[in-house]
Protein backbone atom coordinates (compact mmCIF):
# COMPACT_ATOMS: atom_id res chain seq x y z
CA MET A 1 0.10 -0.26 0.07
CA ARG A 2 2.94 2.58 0.65
CA LYS A 3 4.82 1.71 -2.59
CA THR A 4 0.93 1.93 -4.08
CA LEU A 5 0.91 5.41 -2.42
CA LEU A 6 4.63 6.45 -3.18
CA ALA A 7 4.30 5.95 -6.84
CA THR A 8 1.67 7.91 -7.61
CA SER A 9 2.32 10.60 -5.59
CA LEU A 10 6.02 10.74 -8.21
CA LEU A 11 3.66 10.24 -10.72
CA ALA A 12 1.12 13.42 -9.48
CA ALA A 13 4.69 15.44 -8.97
CA ALA A 14 6.03 14.53 -11.73
CA VAL A 15 2.99 15.52 -13.98
CA ALA A 16 2.72 18.82 -12.32
CA ALA A 17 5.84 19.85 -12.09
CA PRO A 18 7.04 22.15 -14.89
CA SER A 19 9.19 20.84 -17.79
CA ALA A 20 13.51 20.65 -16.56
CA TYR A 21 13.92 21.40 -20.78
CA ALA A 22 11.58 22.45 -22.81
CA HIS A 23 11.89 26.74 -23.58
CA GLN A 24 8.92 28.49 -21.90
CA ALA A 25 7.33 32.22 -22.39
CA GLY A 26 9.82 35.01 -21.32
CA ASP A 27 13.43 32.52 -21.64
CA ILE A 28 15.94 34.35 -23.43
CA LEU A 29 17.89 31.77 -25.46
CA VAL A 30 22.06 32.96 -26.37
CA ARG A 31 23.95 31.22 -28.27
CA ALA A 32 27.58 31.90 -29.98
CA GLY A 33 29.49 30.05 -32.57
CA ALA A 34 30.86 29.75 -35.81
CA VAL A 35 28.91 30.66 -38.58
CA HIS A 36 30.25 29.71 -42.47
CA VAL A 37 28.70 31.08 -45.36
CA SER A 38 28.54 28.95 -48.39
CA THR A 39 27.76 31.70 -51.28
CA ASN A 40 26.16 29.50 -53.29
CA GLU A 41 26.18 32.35 -56.36
CA SER A 42 24.83 32.61 -60.15
CA THR A 43 25.11 36.20 -61.52
CA SER A 44 23.77 37.51 -64.79
CA GLY A 45 26.72 38.20 -67.75
CA VAL A 46 28.79 41.52 -66.68
CA LYS A 47 27.70 44.56 -68.45
CA ILE A 48 29.25 48.10 -69.54
CA ASP A 49 26.00 50.58 -68.45
CA ARG A 50 27.72 53.66 -68.41
CA GLY A 51 29.93 55.38 -70.85
CA PRO A 52 30.53 55.33 -74.73
CA LEU A 53 29.92 51.14 -74.63
CA GLY A 54 27.07 51.43 -73.03
CA GLY A 55 24.81 48.76 -73.44
CA THR A 56 28.52 46.22 -74.37
CA ASN A 57 27.75 42.67 -73.27
CA LEU A 58 30.98 41.05 -71.72
CA GLY A 59 28.83 37.92 -70.62
CA GLY A 60 31.09 35.65 -68.36
CA LYS A 61 30.03 36.09 -63.82
CA ALA A 62 31.36 36.89 -61.17
CA THR A 63 32.35 34.90 -57.96
CA LEU A 64 32.65 34.99 -54.38
CA ASN A 65 34.24 32.42 -52.10
CA ASN A 66 32.86 31.48 -48.93
CA ASP A 67 34.07 32.35 -44.99
CA THR A 68 33.53 31.54 -41.32
CA GLN A 69 33.49 34.02 -38.58
CA LEU A 70 32.23 34.41 -34.86
CA GLY A 71 27.90 34.41 -34.88
CA LEU A 72 25.93 35.36 -32.19
CA ASN A 73 22.39 34.39 -32.12
CA LEU A 74 19.23 35.79 -29.53
CA ALA A 75 16.00 34.63 -29.10
CA TYR A 76 13.05 35.32 -27.08
CA MET A 77 9.89 33.13 -26.27
CA ILE A 78 6.99 34.96 -26.93
CA THR A 79 5.09 31.44 -25.43
CA ASP A 80 6.32 28.09 -24.89
CA ASN A 81 6.46 27.12 -28.50
CA ILE A 82 7.27 30.39 -30.13
CA GLY A 83 9.96 32.98 -30.24
CA VAL A 84 11.69 35.72 -31.99
CA GLU A 85 15.30 35.41 -32.81
CA LEU A 86 18.08 37.44 -34.28
CA LEU A 87 21.42 36.35 -36.11
CA ALA A 88 24.33 38.59 -35.76
CA ALA A 89 27.66 37.84 -36.82
CA THR A 90 31.56 39.49 -37.09
CA PRO A 91 31.88 40.58 -40.68
CA PHE A 92 32.49 38.52 -43.10
CA LYS A 93 34.65 38.79 -45.75
CA HIS A 94 34.53 37.75 -49.35
CA GLU A 95 37.25 38.28 -52.58
CA VAL A 96 35.06 39.28 -55.89
CA LYS A 97 36.31 37.51 -59.05
CA GLY A 98 35.55 38.16 -62.61
CA LYS A 99 35.47 34.85 -65.02
CA GLY A 100 34.61 33.99 -69.03
CA THR A 101 34.09 37.61 -70.17
CA GLY A 102 34.22 39.28 -73.56
CA LEU A 103 37.33 41.56 -75.08
CA GLY A 104 40.51 39.53 -73.64
CA GLY A 105 38.82 39.02 -70.06
CA ILE A 106 39.14 42.70 -69.28
CA ALA A 107 36.80 41.55 -66.02
CA ASP A 108 38.46 37.90 -65.95
CA GLY A 109 40.90 37.75 -62.49
CA LYS A 110 40.29 38.71 -58.60
CA LEU A 111 38.37 42.18 -58.97
CA GLY A 112 38.48 42.80 -55.13
CA THR A 113 36.83 42.32 -51.71
CA LEU A 114 34.36 42.85 -49.85
CA LYS A 115 32.65 42.54 -46.14
CA HIS A 116 28.83 42.26 -45.52
CA LEU A 117 26.80 41.59 -41.82
CA PRO A 118 23.81 39.70 -42.41
CA PRO A 119 21.26 40.32 -39.75
CA THR A 120 18.06 38.55 -40.02
CA LEU A 121 15.10 38.70 -37.79
CA SER A 122 13.38 35.29 -37.51
CA ALA A 123 9.67 33.70 -36.26
CA VAL A 124 10.81 30.36 -34.49
CA TYR A 125 8.63 27.53 -33.66
CA TYR A 126 9.42 24.39 -30.91
CA PRO A 127 7.16 21.77 -31.36
CA MET A 128 8.50 20.00 -28.45
CA ALA A 129 6.20 20.34 -24.90
CA SER A 130 7.71 17.79 -22.92
CA GLY A 131 10.92 17.46 -20.99
CA SER A 132 12.90 16.51 -24.09
CA ALA A 133 16.35 17.47 -24.26
CA PHE A 134 16.63 17.47 -27.64
CA GLN A 135 14.73 20.73 -28.35
CA PRO A 136 14.35 21.42 -32.57
CA TYR A 137 12.97 24.49 -34.67
CA VAL A 138 12.25 25.90 -37.26
CA GLY A 139 11.97 29.33 -38.45
CA ALA A 140 11.01 32.23 -40.73
CA GLY A 141 12.01 35.90 -41.30
CA ILE A 142 13.60 38.95 -42.84
CA ASN A 143 17.58 39.34 -43.74
CA TYR A 144 19.16 42.79 -44.50
CA THR A 145 22.13 42.41 -45.89
CA TRP A 146 25.13 45.34 -45.43
CA PHE A 147 27.99 45.12 -48.25
CA PHE A 148 30.45 48.09 -47.21
CA ASP A 149 34.64 48.55 -47.12
CA GLU A 150 34.67 47.05 -50.88
CA LYS A 151 38.13 47.11 -52.29
CA VAL A 152 39.80 46.84 -55.79
CA SER A 153 42.55 44.58 -55.87
CA SER A 154 45.79 45.81 -56.66
CA SER A 155 45.73 43.64 -59.95
CA ALA A 156 42.65 44.88 -61.09
CA LYS A 157 44.01 48.63 -60.46
CA SER A 158 46.90 47.95 -62.88
CA ASN A 159 44.20 47.34 -65.46
CA GLY A 160 42.62 50.44 -64.54
CA TYR A 161 39.59 49.33 -62.49
CA ARG A 162 38.47 51.69 -59.54
CA ASN A 163 35.32 52.06 -57.16
CA LEU A 164 34.08 48.48 -56.56
CA ARG A 165 31.05 48.85 -55.01
CA VAL A 166 27.37 46.67 -54.17
CA ASN A 167 24.43 47.31 -53.36
CA ASN A 168 22.78 46.21 -49.94
CA SER A 169 19.88 43.84 -50.20
CA TRP A 170 16.73 43.27 -48.62
CA GLY A 171 14.84 39.65 -48.66
CA TRP A 172 13.87 36.39 -46.90
CA ALA A 173 15.18 33.42 -45.04
CA ALA A 174 14.15 30.19 -43.75
CA GLN A 175 16.05 28.15 -41.22
CA ILE A 176 16.48 24.69 -39.32
CA GLY A 177 17.93 23.81 -36.08
CA ALA A 178 17.88 22.26 -32.80
CA ASP A 179 19.01 22.32 -29.43
CA TYR A 180 20.55 19.61 -27.32
CA MET A 181 20.03 20.92 -23.37
CA LEU A 182 22.90 19.78 -21.60
CA THR A 183 21.32 20.95 -18.27
CA ASP A 184 18.53 23.20 -17.51
CA ASN A 185 20.54 25.73 -18.93
CA ILE A 186 22.96 25.17 -20.68
CA MET A 187 22.93 23.65 -24.25
CA LEU A 188 24.36 22.72 -27.66
CA ASN A 189 23.09 24.41 -30.95
CA ALA A 190 23.50 23.67 -34.66
CA GLN A 191 21.34 25.55 -37.19
CA VAL A 192 21.00 25.36 -40.94
CA ARG A 193 19.53 29.11 -43.12
CA TYR A 194 18.94 29.79 -46.36
CA ILE A 195 18.72 33.23 -47.44
CA ASP A 196 17.98 35.19 -49.88
CA ILE A 197 19.75 38.25 -51.57
CA ASP A 198 19.95 39.35 -54.85
CA THR A 199 22.59 42.21 -55.25
CA THR A 200 23.89 44.62 -58.05
CA ALA A 201 27.78 45.21 -57.65
CA TYR A 202 29.46 47.90 -59.62
CA VAL A 203 33.11 48.66 -60.95
CA ASN A 204 34.43 51.62 -63.01
CA ASN A 205 37.30 51.39 -65.69
CA VAL A 206 39.11 54.15 -66.70
CA ASP A 207 42.03 52.39 -69.52
CA LEU A 208 39.53 51.57 -72.14
CA GLY A 209 40.38 54.27 -73.58
CA VAL A 210 37.31 56.27 -72.63
CA PRO A 211 35.72 55.90 -68.64
CA VAL A 212 32.73 52.90 -68.09
CA ARG A 213 31.20 51.18 -65.75
CA ALA A 214 30.27 47.72 -65.83
CA LYS A 215 27.71 45.57 -63.56
CA VAL A 216 26.61 42.26 -63.15
CA ASN A 217 23.89 41.51 -60.75
CA VAL A 218 24.78 38.41 -58.72
CA ASP A 219 22.03 36.45 -56.93
CA VAL A 220 23.69 34.81 -53.58
CA LYS A 221 21.13 32.42 -51.66
CA PRO A 222 24.04 31.35 -49.20
CA TRP A 223 23.58 28.79 -47.24
CA VAL A 224 24.11 29.05 -43.43
CA TYR A 225 25.84 27.15 -41.22
CA MET A 226 26.31 27.88 -36.86
CA ALA A 227 27.56 25.14 -34.90
CA GLY A 228 28.23 26.44 -31.24
CA ILE A 229 26.79 26.64 -27.54
CA GLY A 230 23.99 28.59 -26.18
CA TYR A 231 22.60 29.89 -22.42
CA LYS A 232 18.81 30.22 -20.99
CA PHE A 233 17.98 32.82 -18.77
């Protein structure tokens, strides 16, 4: 009889007690780790859009390399299952190269470098409502990519290139991720994002006999991977 009463009491306490791991309304989640941007870009052909040669299509394409930086992820739980999340990072740096352009490969090679910051605000949904240590989630939101510190490479300067400039971009973003709770407050985190970044890059050339400006539309659409550790307040 005593064993039955004890078992019943323990079961009732377990049911009544709040979940040890599930995120709850009002929780603040702070995550930090490595963020890798895989650019996955596609571009239009390089075109001269300004100057006496305006309208000339040089063809080819522009490329961006990948980069890894320190990422910071902040989330606030509005309800037990729904939160808002902001992705931030130290500036990513990419090399910009031209490939396969016409007029003897006039825009081929390393054109320069640029940096960008991709703050992304998302609504996230956590389906788990139990004490599971594994807390998966999905999310969707909006991204603003700020390009800055564009620099023309020394080799491109020797070929007459000046004033590399890249437009900032608004786009949508989607993600999946998961927290694995080591304790009620400390977690491991992994997440994957897909971000829609559409921009246009411009560069001037002063060594073609006449000053011209070339442009290329760049559809970046990077996959963004983050792995790190977090703390729940």
